[in-house]
């Protein structure tokens, strides 16, 4: 899908205009490869470096990472994830600049967003 920021626009007089989703490309990854990647991302939460997310009300899948920068041994920590695992409705990427390895500092930020999103009134 093409990324978008809003799903609808409300005018001053209350008129609601939907912002349609647009599919950019379909079936560009073999289904079996996608299944393996998704399962690996789920295991990051159930058995790996993002176990802090295991107690959320929905199943989350994700991947921690490190990005080096500068001439020193400094790193950015990042975490990319989606939830719910079986039927994703939210994807999050958190980058914590200069905050160490494996996204350890990015995972708690991600958890707060999921807690807010999945516990809010819909």
Foldseek 3Di string as FASTA:
>chain_A
DDDDDDQWDADPVGDIDGDDDDDDDPDPDPPVVVVVQLVQQLCCCVPRDQVVQVPAPARKGKFKFWDDDDPDRFIKIKMWIFDRSVDTDDIDIDIHGRDDGRNNVVNVVVNVVSNPVVVDDD
